[in-house]
Amino acid sequence: MDDEIPTEDPIVLFDGVCNLCTGFVQFLIPRDPEGRFHFASLQSDVGDRLLEEHGLASDELDSIVLVEGDDVYIKSSAVIRIGAILGGVYTLGRPLRYLPRRVRDWGYDLVAANRYRLFGKKDQCMMPSGDIQSRFLD
């Protein structure tokens, strides 16, 4: 593993065995033609290192995490911030940030708690190919 983790671009940490989470990553890739986002699974060494550096317990986290410089966004805050970075129609979710985080995360947690049952689970993390492989830090 390369010891250098890019700090200039946002990094999306995701559950690498969750079909919903990997689907979200696959949704992001074509909508980010500039390649701003990097990706790492929560199960990877890179994911562990980033969580540890930001004081997050990896065994208690089962959500999308966005690391952007010194800032970390989790759950609904991560999804809203990712939409803001993408721009365009994806910024329509920005007003949701004015809802109390507790309310936003309740909906997020409801989906997260049932994601394997609803969307399934992979036996192993997704393996990127082609030119997008360089954006994966695992």
N, C-alpha and C. Protein backbone atom coordinates (compact mmCIF):
# COMPACT_ATOMS: atom_id res chain seq x y z
N MET A 1 0.84 -1.19 0.00
CA MET A 1 0.00 0.00 0.00
C MET A 1 0.88 1.24 0.00
N ASP A 2 0.53 2.21 -0.78
CA ASP A 2 1.24 3.47 -0.83
C ASP A 2 0.95 4.23 0.47
N ASP A 3 2.01 4.72 1.13
CA ASP A 3 1.83 5.41 2.40
C ASP A 3 1.23 6.80 2.22
N GLU A 4 1.31 7.36 1.03
CA GLU A 4 0.78 8.70 0.78
C GLU A 4 -0.70 8.62 0.42
N ILE A 5 -1.53 9.21 1.25
CA ILE A 5 -2.96 9.31 0.96
C ILE A 5 -3.19 10.74 0.47
N PRO A 6 -3.79 10.90 -0.71
CA PRO A 6 -3.99 12.26 -1.22
C PRO A 6 -4.86 13.09 -0.28
N THR A 7 -4.41 14.29 0.01
CA THR A 7 -5.17 15.16 0.92
C THR A 7 -5.84 16.32 0.18
N GLU A 8 -5.49 16.49 -1.08
CA GLU A 8 -6.03 17.63 -1.82
C GLU A 8 -7.41 17.34 -2.42
N ASP A 9 -7.79 16.09 -2.50
CA ASP A 9 -9.08 15.70 -3.08
C ASP A 9 -9.94 15.01 -2.03
N PRO A 10 -11.26 15.12 -2.17
CA PRO A 10 -12.14 14.42 -1.23
C PRO A 10 -12.04 12.90 -1.41
N ILE A 11 -12.14 12.19 -0.29
CA ILE A 11 -12.07 10.73 -0.29
C ILE A 11 -13.37 10.19 0.27
N VAL A 12 -14.01 9.32 -0.49
CA VAL A 12 -15.25 8.67 -0.07
C VAL A 12 -14.90 7.29 0.47
N LEU A 13 -15.23 7.07 1.74
CA LEU A 13 -15.07 5.76 2.35
C LEU A 13 -16.44 5.08 2.32
N PHE A 14 -16.48 3.81 1.94
CA PHE A 14 -17.75 3.12 1.78
C PHE A 14 -17.61 1.67 2.22
N ASP A 15 -18.73 1.04 2.52
CA ASP A 15 -18.75 -0.38 2.88
C ASP A 15 -18.55 -1.17 1.60
N GLY A 16 -17.39 -1.77 1.45
CA GLY A 16 -17.01 -2.44 0.21
C GLY A 16 -17.76 -3.72 -0.10
N VAL A 17 -18.48 -4.27 0.86
CA VAL A 17 -19.24 -5.48 0.59
C VAL A 17 -20.74 -5.21 0.46
N CYS A 18 -21.15 -3.98 0.61
CA CYS A 18 -22.56 -3.60 0.53
C CYS A 18 -22.91 -3.21 -0.91
N ASN A 19 -23.92 -3.87 -1.47
CA ASN A 19 -24.34 -3.56 -2.84
C ASN A 19 -24.83 -2.12 -2.98
N LEU A 20 -25.54 -1.62 -2.00
CA LEU A 20 -26.03 -0.23 -2.06
C LEU A 20 -24.86 0.74 -2.06
N CYS A 21 -23.88 0.50 -1.19
CA CYS A 21 -22.73 1.40 -1.08
C CYS A 21 -21.86 1.38 -2.33
N THR A 22 -21.58 0.19 -2.85
CA THR A 22 -20.78 0.12 -4.08
C THR A 22 -21.57 0.68 -5.25
N GLY A 23 -22.89 0.53 -5.22
CA GLY A 23 -23.73 1.15 -6.25
C GLY A 23 -23.64 2.66 -6.20
N PHE A 24 -23.57 3.22 -4.99
CA PHE A 24 -23.42 4.67 -4.81
C PHE A 24 -22.10 5.13 -5.41
N VAL A 25 -21.03 4.37 -5.17
CA VAL A 25 -19.72 4.71 -5.74
C VAL A 25 -19.79 4.64 -7.27
N GLN A 26 -20.42 3.60 -7.79
CA GLN A 26 -20.55 3.46 -9.24
C GLN A 26 -21.43 4.56 -9.83
N PHE A 27 -22.35 5.09 -9.06
CA PHE A 27 -23.16 6.24 -9.47
C PHE A 27 -22.29 7.50 -9.53
N LEU A 28 -21.39 7.67 -8.55
CA LEU A 28 -20.55 8.87 -8.49
C LEU A 28 -19.53 8.96 -9.62
N ILE A 29 -18.91 7.84 -9.96
CA ILE A 29 -17.78 7.85 -10.90
C ILE A 29 -18.11 8.55 -12.21
N PRO A 30 -19.18 8.21 -12.92
CA PRO A 30 -19.43 8.91 -14.19
C PRO A 30 -19.89 10.36 -14.02
N ARG A 31 -20.34 10.71 -12.83
CA ARG A 31 -20.79 12.08 -12.57
C ARG A 31 -19.66 12.97 -12.07
N ASP A 32 -18.47 12.40 -12.00
CA ASP A 32 -17.28 13.11 -11.56
C ASP A 32 -16.19 12.96 -12.63
N PRO A 33 -16.44 13.49 -13.84
CA PRO A 33 -15.47 13.29 -14.93
C PRO A 33 -14.10 13.92 -14.67
N GLU A 34 -14.05 14.91 -13.78
CA GLU A 34 -12.75 15.52 -13.45
C GLU A 34 -11.93 14.64 -12.52
N GLY A 35 -12.56 13.61 -11.96
CA GLY A 35 -11.84 12.70 -11.07
C GLY A 35 -11.48 13.32 -9.74
N ARG A 36 -12.35 14.18 -9.22
CA ARG A 36 -12.07 14.83 -7.94
C ARG A 36 -12.10 13.85 -6.77
N PHE A 37 -13.02 12.90 -6.82
CA PHE A 37 -13.19 11.97 -5.70
C PHE A 37 -12.22 10.80 -5.80
N HIS A 38 -11.70 10.40 -4.65
CA HIS A 38 -10.97 9.15 -4.50
C HIS A 38 -11.84 8.27 -3.62
N PHE A 39 -11.60 6.96 -3.66
CA PHE A 39 -12.45 6.02 -2.95
C PHE A 39 -11.60 4.99 -2.20
N ALA A 40 -12.12 4.56 -1.05
CA ALA A 40 -11.51 3.47 -0.29
C ALA A 40 -12.61 2.80 0.51
N SER A 41 -12.52 1.49 0.64
CA SER A 41 -13.53 0.80 1.43
C SER A 41 -13.22 0.98 2.92
N LEU A 42 -14.26 0.92 3.72
CA LEU A 42 -14.10 0.99 5.16
C LEU A 42 -13.27 -0.18 5.68
N GLN A 43 -13.28 -1.29 4.94
CA GLN A 43 -12.56 -2.49 5.35
C GLN A 43 -11.07 -2.46 5.00
N SER A 44 -10.63 -1.46 4.28
CA SER A 44 -9.24 -1.40 3.81
C SER A 44 -8.31 -0.78 4.84
N ASP A 45 -7.01 -0.98 4.62
CA ASP A 45 -6.00 -0.33 5.47
C ASP A 45 -6.11 1.18 5.38
N VAL A 46 -6.35 1.69 4.17
CA VAL A 46 -6.50 3.15 3.98
C VAL A 46 -7.71 3.65 4.75
N GLY A 47 -8.82 2.92 4.65
CA GLY A 47 -10.03 3.29 5.39
C GLY A 47 -9.77 3.32 6.89
N ASP A 48 -9.11 2.28 7.40
CA ASP A 48 -8.78 2.23 8.83
C ASP A 48 -7.91 3.41 9.24
N ARG A 49 -6.90 3.69 8.43
CA ARG A 49 -5.98 4.80 8.75
C ARG A 49 -6.70 6.14 8.79
N LEU A 50 -7.55 6.39 7.79
CA LEU A 50 -8.26 7.67 7.75
C LEU A 50 -9.24 7.80 8.91
N LEU A 51 -9.93 6.73 9.22
CA LEU A 51 -10.86 6.78 10.36
C LEU A 51 -10.10 7.04 11.65
N GLU A 52 -8.98 6.36 11.82
CA GLU A 52 -8.18 6.55 13.03
C GLU A 52 -7.64 7.98 13.12
N GLU A 53 -7.15 8.50 12.00
CA GLU A 53 -6.61 9.87 11.99
C GLU A 53 -7.66 10.90 12.38
N HIS A 54 -8.92 10.59 12.11
CA HIS A 54 -10.00 11.54 12.40
C HIS A 54 -10.82 11.15 13.63
N GLY A 55 -10.29 10.20 14.41
CA GLY A 55 -10.92 9.84 15.66
C GLY A 55 -12.25 9.12 15.54
N LEU A 56 -12.43 8.38 14.46
CA LEU A 56 -13.67 7.62 14.27
C LEU A 56 -13.39 6.14 14.47
N ALA A 57 -14.26 5.47 15.20
CA ALA A 57 -14.09 4.04 15.46
C ALA A 57 -14.63 3.24 14.29
N SER A 58 -13.76 2.47 13.65
CA SER A 58 -14.16 1.72 12.46
C SER A 58 -15.18 0.63 12.77
N ASP A 59 -15.16 0.08 13.98
CA ASP A 59 -16.10 -0.98 14.32
C ASP A 59 -17.49 -0.46 14.63
N GLU A 60 -17.64 0.84 14.77
CA GLU A 60 -18.95 1.44 15.05
C GLU A 60 -19.52 2.16 13.83
N LEU A 61 -18.80 2.13 12.72
CA LEU A 61 -19.19 2.92 11.57
C LEU A 61 -19.59 2.02 10.41
N ASP A 62 -20.79 2.22 9.92
CA ASP A 62 -21.26 1.44 8.77
C ASP A 62 -21.95 2.37 7.79
N SER A 63 -21.28 3.47 7.49
CA SER A 63 -21.92 4.45 6.62
C SER A 63 -20.92 5.01 5.61
N ILE A 64 -21.45 5.82 4.74
CA ILE A 64 -20.59 6.59 3.83
C ILE A 64 -19.89 7.65 4.67
N VAL A 65 -18.60 7.79 4.45
CA VAL A 65 -17.80 8.81 5.13
C VAL A 65 -17.09 9.61 4.06
N LEU A 66 -17.12 10.92 4.18
CA LEU A 66 -16.39 11.79 3.26
C LEU A 66 -15.30 12.49 4.04
N VAL A 67 -14.06 12.30 3.61
CA VAL A 67 -12.92 12.98 4.21
C VAL A 67 -12.49 14.05 3.21
N GLU A 68 -12.56 15.29 3.65
CA GLU A 68 -12.21 16.42 2.79
C GLU A 68 -11.24 17.31 3.56
N GLY A 69 -9.95 17.07 3.33
CA GLY A 69 -8.94 17.79 4.10
C GLY A 69 -9.04 17.40 5.57
N ASP A 70 -9.20 18.39 6.43
CA ASP A 70 -9.35 18.12 7.86
C ASP A 70 -10.80 17.88 8.26
N ASP A 71 -11.72 18.07 7.33
CA ASP A 71 -13.15 17.90 7.61
C ASP A 71 -13.60 16.48 7.31
N VAL A 72 -14.48 15.97 8.14
CA VAL A 72 -15.05 14.64 7.95
C VAL A 72 -16.56 14.75 8.05
N TYR A 73 -17.24 14.14 7.10
CA TYR A 73 -18.70 14.11 7.07
C TYR A 73 -19.13 12.65 7.11
N ILE A 74 -20.15 12.35 7.91
CA ILE A 74 -20.65 10.98 7.95
C ILE A 74 -22.16 10.98 7.71
N LYS A 75 -22.64 9.84 7.29
CA LYS A 75 -24.06 9.58 7.07
C LYS A 75 -24.66 10.63 6.14
N SER A 76 -25.79 11.23 6.54
CA SER A 76 -26.49 12.16 5.65
C SER A 76 -25.65 13.39 5.33
N SER A 77 -24.83 13.82 6.27
CA SER A 77 -23.97 14.99 6.01
C SER A 77 -22.98 14.69 4.88
N ALA A 78 -22.49 13.46 4.82
CA ALA A 78 -21.57 13.08 3.74
C ALA A 78 -22.28 13.11 2.40
N VAL A 79 -23.48 12.56 2.34
CA VAL A 79 -24.23 12.51 1.08
C VAL A 79 -24.56 13.93 0.60
N ILE A 80 -24.98 14.79 1.51
CA ILE A 80 -25.30 16.18 1.14
C ILE A 80 -24.05 16.90 0.64
N ARG A 81 -22.92 16.72 1.31
CA ARG A 81 -21.67 17.38 0.90
C ARG A 81 -21.18 16.84 -0.45
N ILE A 82 -21.31 15.54 -0.67
CA ILE A 82 -20.93 14.96 -1.96
C ILE A 82 -21.77 15.58 -3.07
N GLY A 83 -23.06 15.73 -2.84
CA GLY A 83 -23.93 16.39 -3.82
C GLY A 83 -23.49 17.82 -4.09
N ALA A 84 -23.11 18.54 -3.06
CA ALA A 84 -22.64 19.92 -3.23
C ALA A 84 -21.37 19.97 -4.07
N ILE A 85 -20.47 19.02 -3.86
CA ILE A 85 -19.22 18.98 -4.64
C ILE A 85 -19.52 18.65 -6.10
N LEU A 86 -20.45 17.72 -6.33
CA LEU A 86 -20.81 17.36 -7.70
C LEU A 86 -21.43 18.55 -8.43
N GLY A 87 -22.21 19.35 -7.71
CA GLY A 87 -22.85 20.52 -8.31
C GLY A 87 -24.09 20.15 -9.12
N GLY A 88 -24.59 21.13 -9.85
CA GLY A 88 -25.75 20.92 -10.70
C GLY A 88 -26.97 20.47 -9.93
N VAL A 89 -27.70 19.54 -10.49
CA VAL A 89 -28.93 19.04 -9.89
C VAL A 89 -28.68 18.38 -8.53
N TYR A 90 -27.48 17.92 -8.29
CA TYR A 90 -27.16 17.23 -7.04
C TYR A 90 -27.09 18.17 -5.84
N THR A 91 -27.08 19.47 -6.09
CA THR A 91 -27.11 20.43 -5.00
C THR A 91 -28.52 20.63 -4.44
N LEU A 92 -29.50 20.04 -5.07
CA LEU A 92 -30.88 20.19 -4.60
C LEU A 92 -31.07 19.63 -3.19
N GLY A 93 -30.20 18.75 -2.77
CA GLY A 93 -30.28 18.20 -1.42
C GLY A 93 -29.70 19.12 -0.35
N ARG A 94 -29.04 20.19 -0.76
CA ARG A 94 -28.39 21.08 0.21
C ARG A 94 -29.33 21.65 1.26
N PRO A 95 -30.57 22.02 0.91
CA PRO A 95 -31.46 22.53 1.97
C PRO A 95 -31.72 21.52 3.10
N LEU A 96 -31.52 20.24 2.82
CA LEU A 96 -31.70 19.23 3.87
C LEU A 96 -30.73 19.42 5.03
N ARG A 97 -29.62 20.09 4.78
CA ARG A 97 -28.64 20.31 5.85
C ARG A 97 -29.20 21.18 6.96
N TYR A 98 -30.30 21.89 6.68
CA TYR A 98 -30.92 22.73 7.71
C TYR A 98 -31.85 21.94 8.63
N LEU A 99 -32.17 20.71 8.23
CA LEU A 99 -32.91 19.83 9.14
C LEU A 99 -31.95 19.40 10.24
N PRO A 100 -32.45 19.16 11.42
CA PRO A 100 -31.55 18.66 12.46
C PRO A 100 -30.88 17.35 12.02
N ARG A 101 -29.60 17.24 12.28
CA ARG A 101 -28.85 16.05 11.86
C ARG A 101 -29.51 14.78 12.39
N ARG A 102 -30.06 14.86 13.58
CA ARG A 102 -30.73 13.71 14.18
C ARG A 102 -31.87 13.20 13.29
N VAL A 103 -32.63 14.11 12.72
CA VAL A 103 -33.74 13.75 11.83
C VAL A 103 -33.20 13.17 10.53
N ARG A 104 -32.21 13.85 9.93
CA ARG A 104 -31.62 13.36 8.67
C ARG A 104 -31.01 11.98 8.86
N ASP A 105 -30.26 11.82 9.94
CA ASP A 105 -29.57 10.56 10.16
C ASP A 105 -30.53 9.43 10.55
N TRP A 106 -31.70 9.76 11.09
CA TRP A 106 -32.69 8.72 11.39
C TRP A 106 -33.08 8.01 10.09
N GLY A 107 -33.37 8.77 9.05
CA GLY A 107 -33.70 8.18 7.74
C GLY A 107 -32.53 7.42 7.16
N TYR A 108 -31.34 8.00 7.28
CA TYR A 108 -30.13 7.35 6.78
C TYR A 108 -29.92 6.02 7.51
N ASP A 109 -30.03 6.05 8.84
CA ASP A 109 -29.82 4.84 9.64
C ASP A 109 -30.85 3.76 9.34
N LEU A 110 -32.06 4.16 9.04
CA LEU A 110 -33.11 3.20 8.70
C LEU A 110 -32.72 2.41 7.45
N VAL A 111 -32.25 3.12 6.43
CA VAL A 111 -31.79 2.45 5.21
C VAL A 111 -30.54 1.63 5.50
N ALA A 112 -29.58 2.20 6.24
CA ALA A 112 -28.32 1.50 6.53
C ALA A 112 -28.55 0.21 7.30
N ALA A 113 -29.49 0.22 8.23
CA ALA A 113 -29.75 -0.97 9.04
C ALA A 113 -30.33 -2.11 8.21
N ASN A 114 -30.96 -1.78 7.10
CA ASN A 114 -31.62 -2.79 6.27
C ASN A 114 -30.95 -2.98 4.92
N ARG A 115 -29.79 -2.36 4.71
CA ARG A 115 -29.18 -2.36 3.38
C ARG A 115 -28.81 -3.74 2.88
N TYR A 116 -28.29 -4.61 3.73
CA TYR A 116 -27.91 -5.94 3.28
C TYR A 116 -29.16 -6.75 2.91
N ARG A 117 -30.21 -6.61 3.73
CA ARG A 117 -31.44 -7.36 3.47
C ARG A 117 -32.10 -6.87 2.19
N LEU A 118 -32.11 -5.55 1.97
CA LEU A 118 -32.78 -4.97 0.81
C LEU A 118 -31.96 -5.05 -0.47
N PHE A 119 -30.65 -4.83 -0.37
CA PHE A 119 -29.81 -4.71 -1.56
C PHE A 119 -28.79 -5.83 -1.71
N GLY A 120 -28.61 -6.63 -0.68
CA GLY A 120 -27.67 -7.73 -0.76
C GLY A 120 -26.27 -7.36 -0.30
N LYS A 121 -25.43 -8.38 -0.28
CA LYS A 121 -24.07 -8.22 0.21
C LYS A 121 -23.14 -9.01 -0.69
N LYS A 122 -21.97 -8.45 -0.97
CA LYS A 122 -20.96 -9.11 -1.80
C LYS A 122 -20.06 -9.98 -0.92
N ASP A 123 -19.42 -10.95 -1.52
CA ASP A 123 -18.46 -11.79 -0.80
C ASP A 123 -17.13 -11.06 -0.60
N GLN A 124 -16.85 -10.10 -1.48
CA GLN A 124 -15.61 -9.34 -1.39
C GLN A 124 -15.83 -7.94 -1.91
N CYS A 125 -14.86 -7.06 -1.64
CA CYS A 125 -14.96 -5.67 -2.08
C CYS A 125 -14.90 -5.59 -3.60
N MET A 126 -15.51 -4.56 -4.13
CA MET A 126 -15.52 -4.32 -5.57
C MET A 126 -14.09 -4.05 -6.05
N MET A 127 -13.73 -4.59 -7.19
CA MET A 127 -12.41 -4.38 -7.77
C MET A 127 -12.54 -3.47 -8.98
N PRO A 128 -12.08 -2.23 -8.87
CA PRO A 128 -12.19 -1.30 -10.00
C PRO A 128 -11.26 -1.70 -11.14
N SER A 129 -11.60 -1.25 -12.33
CA SER A 129 -10.77 -1.57 -13.48
C SER A 129 -10.57 -0.32 -14.33
N GLY A 130 -9.69 -0.44 -15.29
CA GLY A 130 -9.46 0.64 -16.25
C GLY A 130 -8.88 1.88 -15.60
N ASP A 131 -9.24 3.03 -16.19
CA ASP A 131 -8.65 4.29 -15.75
C ASP A 131 -9.16 4.75 -14.39
N ILE A 132 -10.27 4.20 -13.90
CA ILE A 132 -10.75 4.62 -12.58
C ILE A 132 -10.02 3.92 -11.45
N GLN A 133 -9.26 2.89 -11.77
CA GLN A 133 -8.54 2.14 -10.73
C GLN A 133 -7.61 3.06 -9.92
N SER A 134 -7.04 4.04 -10.55
CA SER A 134 -6.11 4.95 -9.86
C SER A 134 -6.82 5.81 -8.82
N ARG A 135 -8.14 5.90 -8.89
CA ARG A 135 -8.90 6.70 -7.92
C ARG A 135 -9.24 5.91 -6.67
N PHE A 136 -8.97 4.60 -6.69
CA PHE A 136 -9.24 3.75 -5.53
C PHE A 136 -7.96 3.59 -4.74
N LEU A 137 -8.04 3.84 -3.45
CA LEU A 137 -6.85 3.86 -2.60
C LEU A 137 -6.58 2.55 -1.89
N ASP A 138 -7.39 1.54 -2.15
CA ASP A 138 -7.22 0.24 -1.49
C ASP A 138 -6.04 -0.51 -2.10
